[in-house]
C-alpha atoms as a PDB file:
ATOM      1  CA  ASP A   1     -79.321 -42.955 -23.914  1.00  0.00           C
ATOM      2  CA  ARG A   2     -82.468 -42.634 -21.816  1.00  0.00           C
ATOM      3  CA  ALA A   3     -84.337 -45.533 -23.436  1.00  0.00           C
ATOM      4  CA  LEU A   4     -81.487 -47.956 -22.785  1.00  0.00           C
ATOM      5  CA  LEU A   5     -81.152 -46.805 -19.180  1.00  0.00           C
ATOM      6  CA  LEU A   6     -84.878 -47.346 -18.585  1.00  0.00           C
ATOM      7  CA  ALA A   7     -84.699 -50.798 -20.191  1.00  0.00           C
ATOM      8  CA  LEU A   8     -81.725 -51.791 -18.044  1.00  0.00           C
ATOM      9  CA  GLN A   9     -83.489 -50.577 -14.898  1.00  0.00           C
ATOM     10  CA  GLY A  10     -86.486 -52.623 -16.030  1.00  0.00           C
ATOM     11  CA  ARG A  11     -84.320 -55.697 -16.519  1.00  0.00           C
ATOM     12  CA  LEU A  12     -83.041 -55.340 -12.952  1.00  0.00           C
ATOM     13  CA  ALA A  13     -86.624 -55.078 -11.719  1.00  0.00           C
ATOM     14  CA  TYR A  14     -87.551 -58.146 -13.800  1.00  0.00           C
ATOM     15  CA  GLU A  15     -84.642 -60.163 -12.423  1.00  0.00           C
ATOM     16  CA  SER A  16     -85.672 -59.275  -8.861  1.00  0.00           C
ATOM     17  CA  GLY A  17     -89.296 -60.299  -9.461  1.00  0.00           C
ATOM     18  CA  GLN A  18     -90.789 -56.806  -9.602  1.00  0.00           C
ATOM     19  CA  LEU A  19     -92.739 -57.510 -12.775  1.00  0.00           C
ATOM     20  CA  ALA A  20     -95.138 -54.550 -12.650  1.00  0.00           C
ATOM     21  CA  GLU A  21     -92.247 -52.124 -12.227  1.00  0.00           C
ATOM     22  CA  ALA A  22     -90.345 -53.884 -15.022  1.00  0.00           C
ATOM     23  CA  GLN A  23     -93.367 -53.572 -17.304  1.00  0.00           C
ATOM     24  CA  GLY A  24     -93.661 -49.854 -16.649  1.00  0.00           C
ATOM     25  CA  LEU A  25     -89.959 -49.282 -17.254  1.00  0.00           C
ATOM     26  CA  GLY A  26     -90.040 -51.344 -20.449  1.00  0.00           C
ATOM     27  CA  GLU A  27     -92.969 -49.340 -21.777  1.00  0.00           C
ATOM     28  CA  ALA A  28     -91.276 -46.076 -20.787  1.00  0.00           C
ATOM     29  CA  SER A  29     -88.154 -47.227 -22.603  1.00  0.00           C
ATOM     30  CA  LEU A  30     -90.091 -47.728 -25.822  1.00  0.00           C
ATOM     31  CA  GLU A  31     -91.942 -44.428 -25.378  1.00  0.00           C
ATOM     32  CA  SER A  32     -88.525 -42.775 -25.241  1.00  0.00           C
ATOM     33  CA  ASN A  33     -87.229 -44.720 -28.273  1.00  0.00           C
ATOM     34  CA  SER A  34     -89.496 -47.192 -30.039  1.00  0.00           C
ATOM     35  CA  HIS A  35     -86.438 -48.904 -31.563  1.00  0.00           C
ATOM     36  CA  CYS A  36     -84.680 -49.701 -28.276  1.00  0.00           C
ATOM     37  CA  ALA A  37     -83.681 -53.365 -28.579  1.00  0.00           C
ATOM     38  CA  ALA A  38     -83.208 -53.771 -24.811  1.00  0.00           C
ATOM     39  CA  GLY A  39     -86.712 -52.416 -24.207  1.00  0.00           C
ATOM     40  CA  HIS A  40     -88.207 -54.882 -26.676  1.00  0.00           C
ATOM     41  CA  LEU A  41     -86.263 -57.753 -25.139  1.00  0.00           C
ATOM     42  CA  LEU A  42     -87.546 -56.812 -21.693  1.00  0.00           C
ATOM     43  CA  LEU A  43     -91.145 -56.732 -22.916  1.00  0.00           C
ATOM     44  CA  ALA A  44     -90.590 -60.093 -24.644  1.00  0.00           C
ATOM     45  CA  LEU A  45     -89.420 -61.603 -21.349  1.00  0.00           C
ATOM     46  CA  LEU A  46     -92.445 -60.167 -19.582  1.00  0.00           C
ATOM     47  CA  ALA A  47     -94.778 -61.480 -22.299  1.00  0.00           C
ATOM     48  CA  SER A  48     -93.335 -64.974 -21.834  1.00  0.00           C
ATOM     49  CA  GLU A  49     -93.747 -64.627 -18.080  1.00  0.00           C
ATOM     50  CA  SER A  50     -97.463 -63.923 -18.552  1.00  0.00           C
ATOM     51  CA  ARG A  51     -97.845 -66.727 -21.119  1.00  0.00           C
ATOM     52  CA  GLN A  52     -98.243 -64.363 -24.073  1.00  0.00           C
ATOM     53  CA  SER A  53     -96.291 -64.569 -27.290  1.00  0.00           C
ATOM     54  CA  PRO A  54     -92.947 -62.778 -27.092  1.00  0.00           C
ATOM     55  CA  LEU A  55     -92.244 -63.103 -30.819  1.00  0.00           C
ATOM     56  CA  GLU A  56     -93.153 -59.571 -31.919  1.00  0.00           C
ATOM     57  CA  HIS A  57     -90.895 -58.001 -29.291  1.00  0.00           C
ATOM     58  CA  LEU A  58     -88.103 -60.509 -29.942  1.00  0.00           C
ATOM     59  CA  GLN A  59     -88.220 -59.687 -33.643  1.00  0.00           C
ATOM     60  CA  ARG A  60     -88.079 -55.965 -32.861  1.00  0.00           C
ATOM     61  CA  ALA A  61     -85.153 -56.600 -30.472  1.00  0.00           C
ATOM     62  CA  ILE A  62     -83.008 -57.942 -33.328  1.00  0.00           C
ATOM     63  CA  GLU A  63     -83.944 -55.196 -35.790  1.00  0.00           C
ATOM     64  CA  GLY A  64     -82.512 -52.270 -33.855  1.00  0.00           C
ATOM     65  CA  ALA A  65     -79.164 -50.542 -34.250  1.00  0.00           C
ATOM     66  CA  ARG A  66     -77.811 -52.543 -31.276  1.00  0.00           C
ATOM     67  CA  PRO A  67     -79.549 -55.931 -31.495  1.00  0.00           C
ATOM     68  CA  GLU A  68     -79.748 -58.014 -28.341  1.00  0.00           C
ATOM     69  CA  ALA A  69     -77.896 -61.347 -28.594  1.00  0.00           C
ATOM     70  CA  GLU A  70     -80.319 -62.963 -26.153  1.00  0.00           C
ATOM     71  CA  ALA A  71     -83.177 -62.213 -28.551  1.00  0.00           C
ATOM     72  CA  PHE A  72     -81.415 -64.211 -31.297  1.00  0.00           C
ATOM     73  CA  ALA A  73     -81.098 -67.176 -28.947  1.00  0.00           C
ATOM     74  CA  ARG A  74     -84.739 -67.037 -27.875  1.00  0.00           C
ATOM     75  CA  LEU A  75     -85.929 -66.716 -31.475  1.00  0.00           C
ATOM     76  CA  ALA A  76     -83.696 -69.614 -32.545  1.00  0.00           C
ATOM     77  CA  VAL A  77     -85.061 -71.913 -29.852  1.00  0.00           C
ATOM     78  CA  SER A  78     -88.622 -70.796 -30.601  1.00  0.00           C
ATOM     79  CA  GLU A  79     -88.275 -71.441 -34.348  1.00  0.00           C
ATOM     80  CA  GLY A  80     -86.337 -74.678 -34.025  1.00  0.00           C
ATOM     81  CA  ALA A  81     -84.198 -76.219 -36.765  1.00  0.00           C
ATOM     82  CA  THR A  82     -85.826 -74.191 -39.531  1.00  0.00           C
ATOM     83  CA  PRO A  83     -83.695 -72.106 -41.889  1.00  0.00           C
ATOM     84  CA  THR A  84     -84.655 -68.958 -39.942  1.00  0.00           C
ATOM     85  CA  GLY A  85     -84.104 -70.601 -36.564  1.00  0.00           C
ATOM     86  CA  CYS A  86     -80.683 -71.868 -37.649  1.00  0.00           C
ATOM     87  CA  ALA A  87     -79.726 -68.406 -38.954  1.00  0.00           C
ATOM     88  CA  HIS A  88     -80.700 -66.867 -35.606  1.00  0.00           C
ATOM     89  CA  ALA A  89     -78.683 -69.530 -33.782  1.00  0.00           C
ATOM     90  CA  ARG A  90     -75.586 -68.801 -35.848  1.00  0.00           C
ATOM     91  CA  ARG A  91     -75.977 -65.075 -35.271  1.00  0.00           C
ATOM     92  CA  TYR A  92     -76.274 -65.622 -31.514  1.00  0.00           C
ATOM     93  CA  LEU A  93     -73.096 -67.715 -31.410  1.00  0.00           C
ATOM     94  CA  ARG A  94     -71.175 -65.094 -33.394  1.00  0.00           C
ATOM     95  CA  ALA A  95     -72.240 -62.475 -30.852  1.00  0.00           C
ATOM     96  CA  ALA A  96     -71.941 -64.573 -27.682  1.00  0.00           C
ATOM     97  CA  PRO A  97     -70.033 -67.832 -28.276  1.00  0.00           C
ATOM     98  CA  GLN A  98     -69.744 -68.443 -24.525  1.00  0.00           C
ATOM     99  CA  GLY A  99     -73.064 -66.796 -23.652  1.00  0.00           C
ATOM    100  CA  PRO A 100     -75.600 -68.215 -21.232  1.00  0.00           C
ATOM    101  CA  ASP A 101     -77.678 -69.703 -24.073  1.00  0.00           C
ATOM    102  CA  ALA A 102     -74.734 -71.158 -26.027  1.00  0.00           C
ATOM    103  CA  ARG A 103     -75.356 -74.742 -24.913  1.00  0.00           C
ATOM    104  CA  SER A 104     -79.011 -74.835 -25.994  1.00  0.00           C
ATOM    105  CA  VAL A 105     -78.233 -72.953 -29.215  1.00  0.00           C
ATOM    106  CA  ASN A 106     -75.426 -75.411 -30.051  1.00  0.00           C
ATOM    107  CA  ARG A 107     -77.836 -78.301 -29.511  1.00  0.00           C
ATOM    108  CA  LEU A 108     -80.231 -76.660 -31.943  1.00  0.00           C
ATOM    109  CA  LEU A 109     -77.447 -76.106 -34.487  1.00  0.00           C
ATOM    110  CA  SER A 110     -76.578 -79.788 -34.380  1.00  0.00           C
ATOM    111  CA  GLN A 111     -80.013 -80.386 -35.970  1.00  0.00           C
ATOM    112  CA  CYS A 112     -79.571 -77.713 -38.650  1.00  0.00           C
ATOM    113  CA  PRO A 113     -78.551 -78.500 -42.223  1.00  0.00           C
END
């Protein structure tokens, strides 16, 4: 779908340091489909980069039809060993048990009840 393609192009721009281009592609992604999880994750990463809160976009990234595993990890770490943070951590590990954030999410889970 067009929104996902724009978000993925934006993620490539983000990873190569082209933040303005990534921002434009992320916004275009959400204009195409306001529920695009990848678009919300991209805008969350960009918000963090500019020292703004990413939480609204992270929350939207886990509410879509295809939630982004990375968003669960970032929300878990942000919320800490709270019931919600622990639930996000468990969800991330179900989706990506060997994912790039698995180590930090496992550390968090060790503090969860």
